[in-house]
Amino acid sequence: MVGPIDRLRADPAIRTAHDALRDGLPGADLRSLLLDVASERAANRTPSAVLEQYRSDRFCTPSPIDAVAIATAEAAALQAVSSTFQAIQLSPVSPLATSSSMSQVPQNNVVTTMRLTEVLSDPTNMLALEAALERRTDPATTIRLAAKHRVLRAQRFEGPRSFAHFSLLGMVSAGRDQGNRSFEVAELIRHIQSLVAAVVAIDTAAEVVVQVSDHSGRFDQAQVIVDALDVEATVDPDRTHGRGYYEHLCFKIGVRRNDEIVEVGDGGSTSWTQHLLADRKERLVISGSGLDRIVM
């Protein structure tokens, strides 16, 4: 099946223009050209066309979640984690390729802007950038950051709890290798405990369930993490989701509702700061929780 890009590139003129835009223009010139095209297209749009896009475009339509409920949940979640993680307010956009260069997320799964930035799709990516800068300035200090953000993702999600934009609590811990993955184990315990506290702060009746896995195939350290928690927790030796995204140790947090466990959080160890700082001794643990799901 021929996709739209293959069809367009079959036209020699379009292929030449595509290659020139990709390779032939400096970033500043490309931004100017794209902004000029957008300006001219916007000048030709009618108010009724704008209204129709607002009605039908899933990126633009409001969330069905009650605004007061989600704002209350965001404040409660940040308050719950702020004793361990420094809460910061992130920009709505991040540098182009923030997601794809670190977490291997396809660029088509994020919303790219004409100013060569991308709409934030995951606060942990941006928090990793901030943590890397702070680690570069003060390499002796472990950096722990948190942020809540309403993120926008371009891929389509299925299910009644899935939306194009939603509120996400993200956290990162950046530090130095301490041997035998001890940094990762200690920080993963902190992340899980903080996320559990955030879930309970939003819903005091929540029955939280944690599963810890290890993509490296050894589960002794996963068991250490499980034993340190004061909620229902087990080692999951069969998890495959997140392989390649997380380096080894990872976890999921769910809330039991009758016979269903709704996943509301996820996290693990990554190599992002190793690449950002070109230092294989750098360590990074990340986690996130979808606050809309907890509110629902």
Protein backbone atom coordinates (compact mmCIF):
# COMPACT_ATOMS: atom_id res chain seq x y z
CA MET A 1 0.00 0.00 0.00
CA VAL A 2 1.40 3.37 -1.06
CA GLY A 3 1.43 5.94 1.75
CA PRO A 4 0.87 9.69 1.25
CA ILE A 5 4.59 10.52 1.47
CA ASP A 6 5.51 7.86 -1.11
CA ARG A 7 2.79 9.20 -3.40
CA LEU A 8 4.01 12.79 -3.01
CA ARG A 9 7.67 11.93 -3.48
CA ALA A 10 6.82 10.16 -6.71
CA ASP A 11 6.39 13.66 -8.19
CA PRO A 12 9.93 14.85 -9.13
CA ALA A 13 9.16 18.49 -8.33
CA ILE A 14 7.82 17.64 -4.88
CA ARG A 15 10.74 15.31 -4.21
CA THR A 16 13.20 18.08 -5.10
CA ALA A 17 11.38 20.54 -2.83
CA HIS A 18 11.24 17.97 -0.01
CA ASP A 19 14.98 17.28 -0.20
CA ALA A 20 15.75 21.01 -0.32
CA LEU A 21 13.65 21.64 2.78
CA ARG A 22 15.27 18.72 4.59
CA ASP A 23 18.90 19.32 3.69
CA GLY A 24 19.36 22.54 1.76
CA LEU A 25 18.30 25.28 4.18
CA PRO A 26 19.81 26.41 7.49
CA GLY A 27 17.43 26.11 10.43
CA ALA A 28 16.69 29.82 10.62
CA ASP A 29 15.84 30.03 6.92
CA LEU A 30 13.64 26.93 7.14
CA ARG A 31 11.72 28.45 10.04
CA SER A 32 11.21 31.69 8.11
CA LEU A 33 9.97 29.85 5.04
CA LEU A 34 7.56 27.59 6.95
CA LEU A 35 6.20 30.51 8.97
CA ASP A 36 5.60 32.48 5.80
CA VAL A 37 3.69 29.54 4.28
CA ALA A 38 1.62 29.21 7.47
CA SER A 39 0.92 32.95 7.50
CA GLU A 40 -0.34 32.92 3.92
CA ARG A 41 -2.47 29.84 4.49
CA ALA A 42 -3.93 31.37 7.66
CA ALA A 43 -4.80 34.55 5.75
CA ASN A 44 -6.97 32.47 3.41
CA ARG A 45 -8.91 30.69 6.17
CA THR A 46 -12.41 31.74 7.10
CA PRO A 47 -13.81 31.82 10.64
CA SER A 48 -16.18 28.99 9.72
CA ALA A 49 -13.21 26.83 8.64
CA VAL A 50 -11.55 27.50 11.99
CA LEU A 51 -14.75 26.55 13.80
CA GLU A 52 -15.05 23.32 11.81
CA GLN A 53 -11.48 22.31 12.64
CA TYR A 54 -12.10 23.09 16.30
CA ARG A 55 -15.16 20.83 16.17
CA SER A 56 -13.49 17.89 14.46
CA ASP A 57 -9.74 18.01 15.26
CA ARG A 58 -8.94 15.76 18.24
CA PHE A 59 -5.89 17.92 19.02
CA CYS A 60 -8.13 20.96 19.55
CA THR A 61 -11.26 19.68 21.27
CA PRO A 62 -11.61 20.09 25.05
CA SER A 63 -11.00 17.23 27.46
CA PRO A 64 -14.06 15.46 28.89
CA ILE A 65 -12.41 15.51 32.33
CA ASP A 66 -13.85 18.01 34.82
CA ALA A 67 -11.49 20.99 34.92
CA VAL A 68 -11.75 21.56 38.68
CA ALA A 69 -11.19 17.86 39.39
CA ILE A 70 -8.04 17.65 37.25
CA ALA A 71 -6.64 20.92 38.64
CA THR A 72 -7.20 19.61 42.17
CA ALA A 73 -5.54 16.31 41.26
CA GLU A 74 -2.52 18.07 39.74
CA ALA A 75 -2.01 20.15 42.87
CA ALA A 76 -2.41 17.12 45.14
CA ALA A 77 0.03 15.04 43.09
CA LEU A 78 2.71 17.74 43.05
CA GLN A 79 2.31 18.33 46.77
CA ALA A 80 2.66 14.60 47.42
CA VAL A 81 5.98 14.27 45.57
CA SER A 82 7.49 17.67 46.40
CA SER A 83 9.20 16.50 49.59
CA THR A 84 11.48 14.29 47.46
CA PHE A 85 11.44 15.90 44.01
CA GLN A 86 11.86 19.58 43.13
CA ALA A 87 8.77 20.63 41.20
CA ILE A 88 9.37 22.89 38.19
CA GLN A 89 7.14 24.40 35.50
CA LEU A 90 8.07 23.30 31.99
CA SER A 91 7.65 25.14 28.69
CA PRO A 92 4.80 23.93 26.43
CA VAL A 93 7.40 23.11 23.73
CA SER A 94 10.75 21.34 23.66
CA PRO A 95 13.57 21.24 21.08
CA LEU A 96 12.91 19.34 17.86
CA ALA A 97 13.75 15.62 18.30
CA THR A 98 13.56 15.72 22.10
CA SER A 99 11.43 12.56 22.09
CA SER A 100 12.89 10.75 19.10
CA SER A 101 16.55 11.31 20.00
CA MET A 102 16.23 10.08 23.59
CA SER A 103 13.37 7.63 23.80
CA GLN A 104 13.23 6.49 20.15
CA VAL A 105 9.64 7.71 19.81
CA PRO A 106 8.82 8.22 16.10
CA GLN A 107 8.71 11.91 15.23
CA ASN A 108 5.25 11.38 13.71
CA ASN A 109 3.98 10.53 17.21
CA VAL A 110 4.63 14.08 18.43
CA VAL A 111 3.24 17.39 17.18
CA THR A 112 6.07 19.28 15.46
CA THR A 113 5.87 23.05 15.15
CA MET A 114 7.04 25.25 12.29
CA ARG A 115 9.57 26.87 14.63
CA LEU A 116 11.50 23.58 14.76
CA THR A 117 10.23 22.69 18.21
CA GLU A 118 7.72 20.07 19.27
CA VAL A 119 4.72 20.26 21.57
CA LEU A 120 5.63 18.52 24.81
CA SER A 121 4.50 14.88 24.65
CA ASP A 122 6.18 13.64 27.85
CA PRO A 123 7.55 15.79 30.70
CA THR A 124 10.24 13.21 31.55
CA ASN A 125 12.08 13.97 28.29
CA MET A 126 12.24 17.68 29.12
CA LEU A 127 13.08 16.98 32.76
CA ALA A 128 16.00 14.85 31.53
CA LEU A 129 17.32 17.82 29.56
CA GLU A 130 17.08 20.05 32.64
CA ALA A 131 18.69 17.40 34.83
CA ALA A 132 21.54 16.95 32.33
CA LEU A 133 22.28 20.69 32.41
CA GLU A 134 22.26 20.68 36.20
CA ARG A 135 24.48 17.57 36.31
CA ARG A 136 26.92 19.27 33.93
CA THR A 137 27.13 22.23 36.32
CA ASP A 138 27.26 20.17 39.52
CA PRO A 139 28.23 16.55 38.78
CA ALA A 140 28.50 15.67 42.48
CA THR A 141 24.80 16.23 43.16
CA THR A 142 21.89 13.87 42.50
CA ILE A 143 19.16 15.81 40.71
CA ARG A 144 15.51 14.95 41.41
CA LEU A 145 12.91 16.89 39.43
CA ALA A 146 9.14 16.66 38.96
CA ALA A 147 6.61 18.42 36.75
CA LYS A 148 2.97 18.12 35.84
CA HIS A 149 2.08 19.00 32.27
CA ARG A 150 -0.82 18.68 29.87
CA VAL A 151 0.84 16.76 27.06
CA LEU A 152 -0.24 16.27 23.44
CA ARG A 153 0.47 13.10 21.47
CA ALA A 154 -0.14 12.52 17.79
CA GLN A 155 -0.59 8.74 17.77
CA ARG A 156 -4.13 7.44 18.14
CA PHE A 157 -5.01 5.66 21.37
CA GLU A 158 -7.88 3.24 21.82
CA GLY A 159 -10.14 2.89 24.85
CA PRO A 160 -12.40 5.09 26.99
CA ARG A 161 -9.50 6.35 29.14
CA SER A 162 -7.30 7.44 26.23
CA PHE A 163 -7.14 10.97 24.79
CA ALA A 164 -4.94 13.02 22.45
CA HIS A 165 -4.08 15.40 25.31
CA PHE A 166 -3.98 14.60 29.01
CA SER A 167 -2.34 15.62 32.27
CA LEU A 168 0.85 13.77 33.15
CA LEU A 169 2.99 13.85 36.27
CA GLY A 170 6.64 13.17 35.42
CA MET A 171 9.70 12.68 37.61
CA VAL A 172 13.41 12.06 37.01
CA SER A 173 16.42 11.21 39.16
CA ALA A 174 19.83 11.89 37.62
CA GLY A 175 23.10 10.90 39.25
CA ARG A 176 26.32 8.92 39.07
CA ASP A 177 26.78 5.17 38.79
CA GLN A 178 27.32 3.73 42.29
CA GLY A 179 27.99 0.15 41.23
CA ASN A 180 25.74 -2.91 41.05
CA ARG A 181 22.79 -0.73 39.96
CA SER A 182 22.41 0.53 43.54
CA PHE A 183 21.57 4.05 42.32
CA GLU A 184 18.79 2.68 40.14
CA VAL A 185 17.35 0.48 42.89
CA ALA A 186 17.29 3.26 45.48
CA GLU A 187 15.79 5.82 43.09
CA LEU A 188 13.17 3.42 41.74
CA ILE A 189 11.99 2.85 45.31
CA ARG A 190 11.74 6.64 45.74
CA HIS A 191 9.81 7.01 42.49
CA ILE A 192 7.35 4.24 43.29
CA GLN A 193 6.76 5.49 46.83
CA SER A 194 6.22 9.03 45.54
CA LEU A 195 3.84 7.94 42.78
CA VAL A 196 1.87 5.80 45.22
CA ALA A 197 1.61 8.83 47.51
CA ALA A 198 0.39 10.94 44.57
CA VAL A 199 -2.28 8.38 43.64
CA VAL A 200 -3.52 8.15 47.23
CA ALA A 201 -3.49 11.95 47.59
CA ILE A 202 -5.89 12.13 44.64
CA ASP A 203 -8.00 9.12 45.63
CA THR A 204 -7.71 8.14 49.30
CA ALA A 205 -9.64 4.91 48.63
CA ALA A 206 -7.33 3.78 45.82
CA GLU A 207 -6.12 0.18 46.09
CA VAL A 208 -2.66 0.50 44.54
CA VAL A 209 -0.87 -2.44 42.92
CA VAL A 210 2.78 -2.40 41.79
CA GLN A 211 4.61 -4.76 39.42
CA VAL A 212 8.40 -4.61 39.09
CA SER A 213 10.30 -6.14 36.18
CA ASP A 214 13.87 -6.39 34.88
CA HIS A 215 14.51 -6.59 31.15
CA SER A 216 18.03 -7.88 31.83
CA GLY A 217 16.57 -11.16 33.04
CA ARG A 218 17.80 -10.99 36.64
CA PHE A 219 15.12 -10.41 39.24
CA ASP A 220 16.97 -10.24 42.57
CA GLN A 221 17.04 -6.44 42.52
CA ALA A 222 13.40 -6.30 41.42
CA GLN A 223 12.62 -8.34 44.54
CA VAL A 224 14.61 -5.88 46.68
CA ILE A 225 12.39 -3.08 45.36
CA VAL A 226 9.21 -5.09 45.98
CA ASP A 227 10.29 -5.87 49.55
CA ALA A 228 10.87 -2.16 50.27
CA LEU A 229 7.30 -1.16 49.39
CA ASP A 230 4.34 -0.98 51.76
CA VAL A 231 1.67 -1.63 49.11
CA GLU A 232 0.72 -4.79 47.22
CA ALA A 233 3.72 -5.48 44.98
CA THR A 234 5.02 -8.40 42.95
CA VAL A 235 7.85 -9.20 40.57
CA ASP A 236 6.64 -9.61 36.98
CA PRO A 237 9.19 -11.75 35.09
CA ASP A 238 7.17 -11.82 31.85
CA ARG A 239 6.88 -8.13 30.99
CA THR A 240 8.00 -7.26 27.47
CA HIS A 241 6.42 -3.80 27.13
CA GLY A 242 9.03 -1.06 27.35
CA ARG A 243 11.93 -3.25 26.27
CA GLY A 244 14.36 -0.93 24.47
CA TYR A 245 12.79 2.09 26.18
CA TYR A 246 13.88 1.09 29.67
CA GLU A 247 17.39 -0.30 30.09
CA HIS A 248 16.58 -2.98 32.66
CA LEU A 249 14.64 -2.31 35.90
CA CYS A 250 11.13 -0.94 35.39
CA PHE A 251 7.71 -0.93 37.04
CA LYS A 252 4.01 -0.38 36.55
CA ILE A 253 1.52 1.09 39.00
CA GLY A 254 -2.16 0.24 38.79
CA VAL A 255 -5.35 0.89 40.73
CA ARG A 256 -7.67 -2.06 41.36
CA ARG A 257 -11.29 -1.34 40.54
CA ASN A 258 -13.48 -4.41 41.18
CA ASP A 259 -11.94 -7.11 38.95
CA GLU A 260 -9.96 -4.67 36.79
CA ILE A 261 -6.54 -3.15 37.34
CA VAL A 262 -6.27 0.23 35.59
CA GLU A 263 -2.67 1.18 34.82
CA VAL A 264 -1.95 4.72 36.02
CA GLY A 265 1.85 4.88 36.25
CA ASP A 266 5.06 3.57 34.76
CA GLY A 267 8.80 4.06 35.15
CA GLY A 268 12.28 2.62 34.93
CA SER A 269 15.96 3.19 34.26
CA THR A 270 17.10 4.79 30.99
CA SER A 271 20.36 5.75 29.28
CA TRP A 272 19.20 9.23 28.25
CA THR A 273 21.68 11.29 30.28
CA GLN A 274 24.52 8.99 29.20
CA HIS A 275 23.88 10.15 25.64
CA LEU A 276 23.12 13.77 26.55
CA LEU A 277 26.37 14.15 28.51
CA ALA A 278 28.47 11.62 26.57
CA ASP A 279 29.30 9.84 29.82
CA ARG A 280 28.53 6.14 30.35
CA LYS A 281 28.65 6.57 34.13
CA GLU A 282 25.58 8.81 34.16
CA ARG A 283 22.40 7.23 35.49
CA LEU A 284 18.76 8.29 35.02
CA VAL A 285 15.54 6.93 36.48
CA ILE A 286 12.24 8.25 35.13
CA SER A 287 8.56 7.76 35.93
CA GLY A 288 5.18 9.16 35.03
CA SER A 289 1.53 8.93 35.99
CA GLY A 290 -1.54 9.77 33.94
CA LEU A 291 -3.62 11.98 36.24
CA ASP A 292 -6.73 11.98 34.02
CA ARG A 293 -6.98 8.21 34.49
CA ILE A 294 -6.84 8.51 38.26
CA VAL A 295 -9.53 11.22 38.26
CA MET A 296 -11.73 9.09 36.02
